[in-house]
C-alpha cells in the first residue's frame, strides 16, 4: 500500500504539533519540568503503530487532563470506568 508511506508522514507532522502543544502546556500552564516526561518516539507511533509509544502519549494527555481547569469532570468520568481501567489510569498518572 504505497499511500501508507505518505500517510504516516502526515500523521507524524500532526503528532509532532500535538506533542509540542502538550509539552508547552505541561511547562507553561502546569509549571512542570518537561525533562520529567518520558521521551516520546513519534515515528514509532505514526509509522510502526507501536503500542508502548502510543500509551506514553496517552499517559501524558491523561496527566494533563486530570490537572486542567475541568479536572473534576474528568475525574468523575474516570471514576465511572471499570475498576481495572481506573487502576491503570491511576498508575499512569502517578508516573
PDB file of N, CA and C in Angstrom:
ATOM      1  N   UNK A   1       0.832  -1.182   0.000  1.00  0.00           N
ATOM      2  CA  UNK A   1       0.000   0.000   0.000  1.00  0.00           C
ATOM      3  C   UNK A   1       0.881   1.251   0.000  1.00  0.00           C
ATOM      4  N   UNK A   2       1.132   1.824  -1.153  1.00  0.00           N
ATOM      5  CA  UNK A   2       2.024   2.984  -1.242  1.00  0.00           C
ATOM      6  C   UNK A   2       1.496   4.223  -0.530  1.00  0.00           C
ATOM      7  N   UNK A   3       0.181   4.330  -0.365  1.00  0.00           N
ATOM      8  CA  UNK A   3      -0.371   5.516   0.299  1.00  0.00           C
ATOM      9  C   UNK A   3       0.019   5.566   1.769  1.00  0.00           C
ATOM     10  N   UNK A   4       0.352   4.416   2.367  1.00  0.00           N
ATOM     11  CA  UNK A   4       0.743   4.396   3.775  1.00  0.00           C
ATOM     12  C   UNK A   4       2.043   5.147   4.013  1.00  0.00           C
ATOM     13  N   UNK A   5       2.971   5.098   3.060  1.00  0.00           N
ATOM     14  CA  UNK A   5       4.251   5.774   3.247  1.00  0.00           C
ATOM     15  C   UNK A   5       4.076   7.286   3.324  1.00  0.00           C
ATOM     16  N   UNK A   6       3.139   7.823   2.576  1.00  0.00           N
ATOM     17  CA  UNK A   6       2.852   9.257   2.637  1.00  0.00           C
ATOM     18  C   UNK A   6       1.994   9.555   3.857  1.00  0.00           C
ATOM     19  N   UNK A   7       1.054   8.685   4.129  1.00  0.00           N
ATOM     20  CA  UNK A   7       0.116   8.882   5.223  1.00  0.00           C
ATOM     21  C   UNK A   7       0.820   8.985   6.573  1.00  0.00           C
ATOM     22  N   UNK A   8       1.820   8.144   6.824  1.00  0.00           N
ATOM     23  CA  UNK A   8       2.488   8.184   8.123  1.00  0.00           C
ATOM     24  C   UNK A   8       3.258   9.482   8.289  1.00  0.00           C
ATOM     25  N   UNK A   9       3.761  10.043   7.204  1.00  0.00           N
ATOM     26  CA  UNK A   9       4.483  11.315   7.278  1.00  0.00           C
ATOM     27  C   UNK A   9       3.526  12.433   7.690  1.00  0.00           C
ATOM     28  N   UNK A  10       2.324  12.421   7.141  1.00  0.00           N
ATOM     29  CA  UNK A  10       1.319  13.415   7.528  1.00  0.00           C
ATOM     30  C   UNK A  10       0.921  13.242   8.989  1.00  0.00           C
ATOM     31  N   UNK A  11       0.744  12.000   9.399  1.00  0.00           N
ATOM     32  CA  UNK A  11       0.417  11.734  10.798  1.00  0.00           C
ATOM     33  C   UNK A  11       1.563  12.163  11.716  1.00  0.00           C
ATOM     34  N   UNK A  12       2.790  11.902  11.290  1.00  0.00           N
ATOM     35  CA  UNK A  12       3.954  12.299  12.079  1.00  0.00           C
ATOM     36  C   UNK A  12       3.949  13.803  12.316  1.00  0.00           C
ATOM     37  N   UNK A  13       3.683  14.551  11.259  1.00  0.00           N
ATOM     38  CA  UNK A  13       3.645  16.011  11.365  1.00  0.00           C
ATOM     39  C   UNK A  13       2.564  16.467  12.348  1.00  0.00           C
ATOM     40  N   UNK A  14       1.398  15.860  12.262  1.00  0.00           N
ATOM     41  CA  UNK A  14       0.296  16.220  13.166  1.00  0.00           C
ATOM     42  C   UNK A  14       0.625  15.843  14.611  1.00  0.00           C
ATOM     43  N   UNK A  15       1.193  14.666  14.811  1.00  0.00           N
ATOM     44  CA  UNK A  15       1.560  14.238  16.162  1.00  0.00           C
ATOM     45  C   UNK A  15       2.688  15.096  16.727  1.00  0.00           C
ATOM     46  N   UNK A  16       3.585  15.530  15.863  1.00  0.00           N
ATOM     47  CA  UNK A  16       4.672  16.403  16.322  1.00  0.00           C
ATOM     48  C   UNK A  16       4.097  17.721  16.837  1.00  0.00           C
ATOM     49  N   UNK A  17       3.136  18.290  16.113  1.00  0.00           N
ATOM     50  CA  UNK A  17       2.479  19.526  16.565  1.00  0.00           C
ATOM     51  C   UNK A  17       1.755  19.294  17.888  1.00  0.00           C
ATOM     52  N   UNK A  18       1.035  18.180  17.979  1.00  0.00           N
ATOM     53  CA  UNK A  18       0.321  17.843  19.208  1.00  0.00           C
ATOM     54  C   UNK A  18       1.296  17.684  20.373  1.00  0.00           C
ATOM     55  N   UNK A  19       2.382  16.976  20.155  1.00  0.00           N
ATOM     56  CA  UNK A  19       3.376  16.767  21.204  1.00  0.00           C
ATOM     57  C   UNK A  19       3.979  18.099  21.653  1.00  0.00           C
ATOM     58  N   UNK A  20       4.261  18.973  20.713  1.00  0.00           N
ATOM     59  CA  UNK A  20       4.791  20.300  21.070  1.00  0.00           C
ATOM     60  C   UNK A  20       3.790  21.074  21.923  1.00  0.00           C
ATOM     61  N   UNK A  21       2.526  21.030  21.553  1.00  0.00           N
ATOM     62  CA  UNK A  21       1.488  21.709  22.337  1.00  0.00           C
ATOM     63  C   UNK A  21       1.348  21.101  23.730  1.00  0.00           C
ATOM     64  N   UNK A  22       1.416  19.788  23.815  1.00  0.00           N
ATOM     65  CA  UNK A  22       1.315  19.121  25.117  1.00  0.00           C
ATOM     66  C   UNK A  22       2.483  19.492  26.026  1.00  0.00           C
ATOM     67  N   UNK A  23       3.689  19.473  25.485  1.00  0.00           N
ATOM     68  CA  UNK A  23       4.853  19.818  26.309  1.00  0.00           C
ATOM     69  C   UNK A  23       4.824  21.292  26.695  1.00  0.00           C
ATOM     70  N   UNK A  24       4.352  22.139  25.798  1.00  0.00           N
ATOM     71  CA  UNK A  24       4.235  23.562  26.111  1.00  0.00           C
ATOM     72  C   UNK A  24       3.216  23.777  27.228  1.00  0.00           C
ATOM     73  N   UNK A  25       2.081  23.106  27.161  1.00  0.00           N
ATOM     74  CA  UNK A  25       1.058  23.205  28.205  1.00  0.00           C
ATOM     75  C   UNK A  25       1.615  22.680  29.525  1.00  0.00           C
ATOM     76  N   UNK A  26       2.311  21.573  29.454  1.00  0.00           N
ATOM     77  CA  UNK A  26       2.903  20.965  30.637  1.00  0.00           C
ATOM     78  C   UNK A  26       3.845  21.954  31.327  1.00  0.00           C
ATOM     79  N   UNK A  27       4.652  22.657  30.536  1.00  0.00           N
ATOM     80  CA  UNK A  27       5.616  23.605  31.100  1.00  0.00           C
ATOM     81  C   UNK A  27       4.968  24.925  31.504  1.00  0.00           C
ATOM     82  N   UNK A  28       4.176  25.509  30.618  1.00  0.00           N
ATOM     83  CA  UNK A  28       3.642  26.856  30.851  1.00  0.00           C
ATOM     84  C   UNK A  28       2.483  26.891  31.835  1.00  0.00           C
ATOM     85  N   UNK A  29       1.532  26.012  31.676  1.00  0.00           N
ATOM     86  CA  UNK A  29       0.319  26.051  32.497  1.00  0.00           C
ATOM     87  C   UNK A  29       0.493  25.254  33.789  1.00  0.00           C
ATOM     88  N   UNK A  30       0.985  24.023  33.662  1.00  0.00           N
ATOM     89  CA  UNK A  30       1.149  23.185  34.848  1.00  0.00           C
ATOM     90  C   UNK A  30       2.440  23.491  35.604  1.00  0.00           C
ATOM     91  N   UNK A  31       3.321  24.242  34.952  1.00  0.00           N
ATOM     92  CA  UNK A  31       4.618  24.629  35.517  1.00  0.00           C
ATOM     93  C   UNK A  31       5.406  23.416  36.009  1.00  0.00           C
ATOM     94  N   UNK A  32       5.456  22.411  35.164  1.00  0.00           N
ATOM     95  CA  UNK A  32       6.218  21.190  35.432  1.00  0.00           C
ATOM     96  C   UNK A  32       7.403  21.148  34.480  1.00  0.00           C
ATOM     97  N   UNK A  33       8.467  20.518  34.917  1.00  0.00           N
ATOM     98  CA  UNK A  33       9.637  20.373  34.064  1.00  0.00           C
ATOM     99  C   UNK A  33       9.368  19.322  32.987  1.00  0.00           C
ATOM    100  N   UNK A  34       9.624  19.694  31.756  1.00  0.00           N
ATOM    101  CA  UNK A  34       9.404  18.740  30.669  1.00  0.00           C
ATOM    102  C   UNK A  34      10.467  17.642  30.686  1.00  0.00           C
ATOM    103  N   UNK A  35      11.558  17.868  31.385  1.00  0.00           N
ATOM    104  CA  UNK A  35      12.591  16.831  31.482  1.00  0.00           C
ATOM    105  C   UNK A  35      12.089  15.611  32.253  1.00  0.00           C
ATOM    106  N   UNK A  36      11.017  15.797  33.023  1.00  0.00           N
ATOM    107  CA  UNK A  36      10.449  14.671  33.777  1.00  0.00           C
ATOM    108  C   UNK A  36       9.578  13.772  32.898  1.00  0.00           C
ATOM    109  N   UNK A  37       9.292  14.216  31.680  1.00  0.00           N
ATOM    110  CA  UNK A  37       8.460  13.430  30.762  1.00  0.00           C
ATOM    111  C   UNK A  37       9.283  12.333  30.108  1.00  0.00           C
ATOM    112  N   UNK A  38       8.635  11.213  29.839  1.00  0.00           N
ATOM    113  CA  UNK A  38       9.301  10.143  29.104  1.00  0.00           C
ATOM    114  C   UNK A  38       9.506  10.602  27.669  1.00  0.00           C
ATOM    115  N   UNK A  39      10.632  10.190  27.088  1.00  0.00           N
ATOM    116  CA  UNK A  39      10.907  10.527  25.698  1.00  0.00           C
ATOM    117  C   UNK A  39       9.893   9.811  24.811  1.00  0.00           C
ATOM    118  N   UNK A  40       9.345  10.546  23.881  1.00  0.00           N
ATOM    119  CA  UNK A  40       8.295  10.009  23.020  1.00  0.00           C
ATOM    120  C   UNK A  40       8.835   9.786  21.614  1.00  0.00           C
ATOM    121  N   UNK A  41       8.648   8.595  21.087  1.00  0.00           N
ATOM    122  CA  UNK A  41       9.085   8.248  19.742  1.00  0.00           C
ATOM    123  C   UNK A  41       7.893   8.382  18.798  1.00  0.00           C
ATOM    124  N   UNK A  42       7.784   9.539  18.177  1.00  0.00           N
ATOM    125  CA  UNK A  42       6.643   9.813  17.302  1.00  0.00           C
ATOM    126  C   UNK A  42       6.636   8.930  16.060  1.00  0.00           C
ATOM    127  N   UNK A  43       7.812   8.577  15.569  1.00  0.00           N
ATOM    128  CA  UNK A  43       7.865   7.700  14.397  1.00  0.00           C
ATOM    129  C   UNK A  43       7.327   6.313  14.752  1.00  0.00           C
ATOM    130  N   UNK A  44       7.614   5.860  15.957  1.00  0.00           N
ATOM    131  CA  UNK A  44       7.092   4.555  16.380  1.00  0.00           C
ATOM    132  C   UNK A  44       5.567   4.571  16.426  1.00  0.00           C
ATOM    133  N   UNK A  45       4.997   5.704  16.824  1.00  0.00           N
ATOM    134  CA  UNK A  45       3.537   5.822  16.882  1.00  0.00           C
ATOM    135  C   UNK A  45       2.949   5.865  15.479  1.00  0.00           C
ATOM    136  N   UNK A  46       3.484   6.734  14.649  1.00  0.00           N
ATOM    137  CA  UNK A  46       2.853   7.008  13.358  1.00  0.00           C
ATOM    138  C   UNK A  46       3.197   6.000  12.262  1.00  0.00           C
ATOM    139  N   UNK A  47       4.420   5.540  12.238  1.00  0.00           N
ATOM    140  CA  UNK A  47       4.827   4.628  11.166  1.00  0.00           C
ATOM    141  C   UNK A  47       4.676   3.166  11.571  1.00  0.00           C
ATOM    142  N   UNK A  48       5.092   2.865  12.802  1.00  0.00           N
ATOM    143  CA  UNK A  48       5.133   1.470  13.244  1.00  0.00           C
ATOM    144  C   UNK A  48       3.909   1.056  14.056  1.00  0.00           C
ATOM    145  N   UNK A  49       3.060   2.024  14.398  1.00  0.00           N
ATOM    146  CA  UNK A  49       1.862   1.759  15.210  1.00  0.00           C
ATOM    147  C   UNK A  49       2.229   1.051  16.519  1.00  0.00           C
ATOM    148  N   UNK A  50       3.309   1.549  17.143  1.00  0.00           N
ATOM    149  CA  UNK A  50       3.834   0.946  18.364  1.00  0.00           C
ATOM    150  C   UNK A  50       2.947   1.271  19.557  1.00  0.00           C
ATOM    151  N   UNK A  51       2.449   0.238  20.209  1.00  0.00           N
ATOM    152  CA  UNK A  51       1.520   0.403  21.325  1.00  0.00           C
ATOM    153  C   UNK A  51       2.176   1.088  22.527  1.00  0.00           C
ATOM    154  N   UNK A  52       3.397   0.709  22.871  1.00  0.00           N
ATOM    155  CA  UNK A  52       4.073   1.304  24.033  1.00  0.00           C
ATOM    156  C   UNK A  52       4.262   2.803  23.860  1.00  0.00           C
ATOM    157  N   UNK A  53       4.694   3.214  22.682  1.00  0.00           N
ATOM    158  CA  UNK A  53       4.890   4.640  22.415  1.00  0.00           C
ATOM    159  C   UNK A  53       3.558   5.383  22.442  1.00  0.00           C
ATOM    160  N   UNK A  54       2.526   4.763  21.907  1.00  0.00           N
ATOM    161  CA  UNK A  54       1.198   5.377  21.916  1.00  0.00           C
ATOM    162  C   UNK A  54       0.694   5.539  23.343  1.00  0.00           C
ATOM    163  N   UNK A  55       0.928   4.543  24.179  1.00  0.00           N
ATOM    164  CA  UNK A  55       0.495   4.614  25.573  1.00  0.00           C
ATOM    165  C   UNK A  55       1.211   5.718  26.345  1.00  0.00           C
ATOM    166  N   UNK A  56       2.468   5.972  26.015  1.00  0.00           N
ATOM    167  CA  UNK A  56       3.195   7.068  26.668  1.00  0.00           C
ATOM    168  C   UNK A  56       2.502   8.394  26.371  1.00  0.00           C
ATOM    169  N   UNK A  57       2.103   8.593  25.118  1.00  0.00           N
ATOM    170  CA  UNK A  57       1.408   9.828  24.765  1.00  0.00           C
ATOM    171  C   UNK A  57       0.043   9.894  25.451  1.00  0.00           C
ATOM    172  N   UNK A  58      -0.647   8.782  25.511  1.00  0.00           N
ATOM    173  CA  UNK A  58      -1.947   8.745  26.200  1.00  0.00           C
ATOM    174  C   UNK A  58      -1.788   9.084  27.679  1.00  0.00           C
ATOM    175  N   UNK A  59      -0.757   8.560  28.298  1.00  0.00           N
ATOM    176  CA  UNK A  59      -0.495   8.863  29.710  1.00  0.00           C
ATOM    177  C   UNK A  59      -0.233  10.351  29.903  1.00  0.00           C
ATOM    178  N   UNK A  60       0.517  10.923  28.994  1.00  0.00           N
ATOM    179  CA  UNK A  60       0.806  12.356  29.060  1.00  0.00           C
ATOM    180  C   UNK A  60      -0.485  13.169  28.980  1.00  0.00           C
ATOM    181  N   UNK A  61      -1.372  12.796  28.073  1.00  0.00           N
ATOM    182  CA  UNK A  61      -2.647  13.502  27.939  1.00  0.00           C
ATOM    183  C   UNK A  61      -3.523  13.306  29.172  1.00  0.00           C
ATOM    184  N   UNK A  62      -3.466  12.130  29.758  1.00  0.00           N
ATOM    185  CA  UNK A  62      -4.246  11.857  30.966  1.00  0.00           C
ATOM    186  C   UNK A  62      -3.767  12.712  32.129  1.00  0.00           C
ATOM    187  N   UNK A  63      -2.462  12.816  32.286  1.00  0.00           N
ATOM    188  CA  UNK A  63      -1.890  13.652  33.351  1.00  0.00           C
ATOM    189  C   UNK A  63      -2.342  15.095  33.187  1.00  0.00           C
ATOM    190  N   UNK A  64      -2.306  15.594  31.980  1.00  0.00           N
ATOM    191  CA  UNK A  64      -2.749  16.969  31.722  1.00  0.00           C
ATOM    192  C   UNK A  64      -4.244  17.098  32.001  1.00  0.00           C
ATOM    193  N   UNK A  65      -5.018  16.121  31.572  1.00  0.00           N
ATOM    194  CA  UNK A  65      -6.477  16.189  31.742  1.00  0.00           C
ATOM    195  C   UNK A  65      -6.889  16.258  33.205  1.00  0.00           C
ATOM    196  N   UNK A  66      -6.230  15.491  34.063  1.00  0.00           N
ATOM    197  CA  UNK A  66      -6.634  15.490  35.476  1.00  0.00           C
ATOM    198  C   UNK A  66      -6.107  16.701  36.234  1.00  0.00           C
ATOM    199  N   UNK A  67      -5.295  17.528  35.571  1.00  0.00           N
ATOM    200  CA  UNK A  67      -4.786  18.732  36.215  1.00  0.00           C
ATOM    201  C   UNK A  67      -5.302  20.015  35.566  1.00  0.00           C
ATOM    202  N   UNK A  68      -6.167  19.888  34.574  1.00  0.00           N
ATOM    203  CA  UNK A  68      -6.684  21.065  33.879  1.00  0.00           C
ATOM    204  C   UNK A  68      -7.830  21.702  34.670  1.00  0.00           C
ATOM    205  N   UNK A  69      -8.385  22.779  34.146  1.00  0.00           N
ATOM    206  CA  UNK A  69      -9.467  23.502  34.826  1.00  0.00           C
ATOM    207  C   UNK A  69     -10.714  22.637  35.025  1.00  0.00           C
ATOM    208  N   UNK A  70     -10.975  21.747  34.086  1.00  0.00           N
ATOM    209  CA  UNK A  70     -12.162  20.886  34.164  1.00  0.00           C
ATOM    210  C   UNK A  70     -11.818  19.519  34.763  1.00  0.00           C
ATOM    211  N   UNK A  71     -10.825  19.487  35.636  1.00  0.00           N
ATOM    212  CA  UNK A  71     -10.354  18.205  36.154  1.00  0.00           C
ATOM    213  C   UNK A  71     -11.414  17.447  36.950  1.00  0.00           C
ATOM    214  N   UNK A  72     -12.312  18.151  37.609  1.00  0.00           N
ATOM    215  CA  UNK A  72     -13.351  17.455  38.382  1.00  0.00           C
ATOM    216  C   UNK A  72     -14.237  16.620  37.464  1.00  0.00           C
ATOM    217  N   UNK A  73     -14.569  17.169  36.303  1.00  0.00           N
ATOM    218  CA  UNK A  73     -15.372  16.423  35.327  1.00  0.00           C
ATOM    219  C   UNK A  73     -14.615  15.195  34.826  1.00  0.00           C
ATOM    220  N   UNK A  74     -13.346  15.390  34.548  1.00  0.00           N
ATOM    221  CA  UNK A  74     -12.510  14.292  34.049  1.00  0.00           C
ATOM    222  C   UNK A  74     -12.411  13.191  35.105  1.00  0.00           C
ATOM    223  N   UNK A  75     -12.148  13.586  36.339  1.00  0.00           N
ATOM    224  CA  UNK A  75     -12.007  12.615  37.424  1.00  0.00           C
ATOM    225  C   UNK A  75     -13.317  11.865  37.652  1.00  0.00           C
ATOM    226  N   UNK A  76     -14.446  12.572  37.574  1.00  0.00           N
ATOM    227  CA  UNK A  76     -15.751  11.906  37.713  1.00  0.00           C
ATOM    228  C   UNK A  76     -15.947  10.856  36.622  1.00  0.00           C
ATOM    229  N   UNK A  77     -15.535  11.186  35.411  1.00  0.00           N
ATOM    230  CA  UNK A  77     -15.657  10.224  34.304  1.00  0.00           C
ATOM    231  C   UNK A  77     -14.751   9.018  34.530  1.00  0.00           C
ATOM    232  N   UNK A  78     -13.552   9.280  35.018  1.00  0.00           N
ATOM    233  CA  UNK A  78     -12.626   8.181  35.307  1.00  0.00           C
ATOM    234  C   UNK A  78     -13.222   7.267  36.369  1.00  0.00           C
ATOM    235  N   UNK A  79     -13.857   7.858  37.367  1.00  0.00           N
ATOM    236  CA  UNK A  79     -14.437   7.067  38.457  1.00  0.00           C
ATOM    237  C   UNK A  79     -15.605   6.202  37.992  1.00  0.00           C
ATOM    238  N   UNK A  80     -16.181   6.521  36.864  1.00  0.00           N
ATOM    239  CA  UNK A  80     -17.279   5.721  36.309  1.00  0.00           C
ATOM    240  C   UNK A  80     -16.775   4.544  35.470  1.00  0.00           C
ATOM    241  N   UNK A  81     -15.474   4.520  35.206  1.00  0.00           N
ATOM    242  CA  UNK A  81     -14.893   3.445  34.406  1.00  0.00           C
ATOM    243  C   UNK A  81     -14.764   2.164  35.225  1.00  0.00           C
ATOM    244  N   UNK A  82     -14.547   1.085  34.521  1.00  0.00           N
ATOM    245  CA  UNK A  82     -14.271  -0.209  35.133  1.00  0.00           C
ATOM    246  C   UNK A  82     -13.085  -0.066  36.095  1.00  0.00           C
ATOM    247  N   UNK A  83     -13.135  -0.757  37.231  1.00  0.00           N
ATOM    248  CA  UNK A  83     -12.100  -0.637  38.272  1.00  0.00           C
ATOM    249  C   UNK A  83     -10.702  -0.972  37.758  1.00  0.00           C
ATOM    250  N   UNK A  84     -10.582  -1.949  36.888  1.00  0.00           N
ATOM    251  CA  UNK A  84      -9.250  -2.302  36.376  1.00  0.00           C
ATOM    252  C   UNK A  84      -8.701  -1.192  35.483  1.00  0.00           C
ATOM    253  N   UNK A  85      -9.563  -0.549  34.729  1.00  0.00           N
ATOM    254  CA  UNK A  85      -9.129   0.573  33.889  1.00  0.00           C
ATOM    255  C   UNK A  85      -8.732   1.746  34.774  1.00  0.00           C
ATOM    256  N   UNK A  86      -9.512   2.001  35.819  1.00  0.00           N
ATOM    257  CA  UNK A  86      -9.160   3.058  36.772  1.00  0.00           C
ATOM    258  C   UNK A  86      -7.775   2.808  37.354  1.00  0.00           C
ATOM    259  N   UNK A  87      -7.500   1.571  37.688  1.00  0.00           N
ATOM    260  CA  UNK A  87      -6.204   1.202  38.266  1.00  0.00           C
ATOM    261  C   UNK A  87      -5.062   1.577  37.322  1.00  0.00           C
ATOM    262  N   UNK A  88      -5.198   1.228  36.049  1.00  0.00           N
ATOM    263  CA  UNK A  88      -4.159   1.539  35.070  1.00  0.00           C
ATOM    264  C   UNK A  88      -4.006   3.045  34.875  1.00  0.00           C
ATOM    265  N   UNK A  89      -5.108   3.766  34.854  1.00  0.00           N
ATOM    266  CA  UNK A  89      -5.039   5.220  34.703  1.00  0.00           C
ATOM    267  C   UNK A  89      -4.355   5.867  35.901  1.00  0.00           C
ATOM    268  N   UNK A  90      -4.675   5.412  37.092  1.00  0.00           N
ATOM    269  CA  UNK A  90      -4.049   5.962  38.294  1.00  0.00           C
ATOM    270  C   UNK A  90      -2.546   5.692  38.278  1.00  0.00           C
ATOM    271  N   UNK A  91      -2.156   4.488  37.868  1.00  0.00           N
ATOM    272  CA  UNK A  91      -0.729   4.167  37.750  1.00  0.00           C
ATOM    273  C   UNK A  91      -0.042   5.102  36.757  1.00  0.00           C
ATOM    274  N   UNK A  92      -0.703   5.355  35.641  1.00  0.00           N
ATOM    275  CA  UNK A  92      -0.136   6.236  34.613  1.00  0.00           C
ATOM    276  C   UNK A  92       0.008   7.658  35.132  1.00  0.00           C
ATOM    277  N   UNK A  93      -0.983   8.125  35.863  1.00  0.00           N
ATOM    278  CA  UNK A  93      -0.956   9.487  36.397  1.00  0.00           C
ATOM    279  C   UNK A  93       0.162   9.636  37.422  1.00  0.00           C
ATOM    280  N   UNK A  94       0.352   8.621  38.250  1.00  0.00           N
ATOM    281  CA  UNK A  94       1.377   8.683  39.290  1.00  0.00           C
ATOM    282  C   UNK A  94       2.784   8.686  38.727  1.00  0.00           C
ATOM    283  N   UNK A  95       2.975   8.108  37.559  1.00  0.00           N
ATOM    284  CA  UNK A  95       4.305   8.077  36.954  1.00  0.00           C
ATOM    285  C   UNK A  95       4.668   9.451  36.476  1.00  0.00           C
TER     286      UNK A  95
END
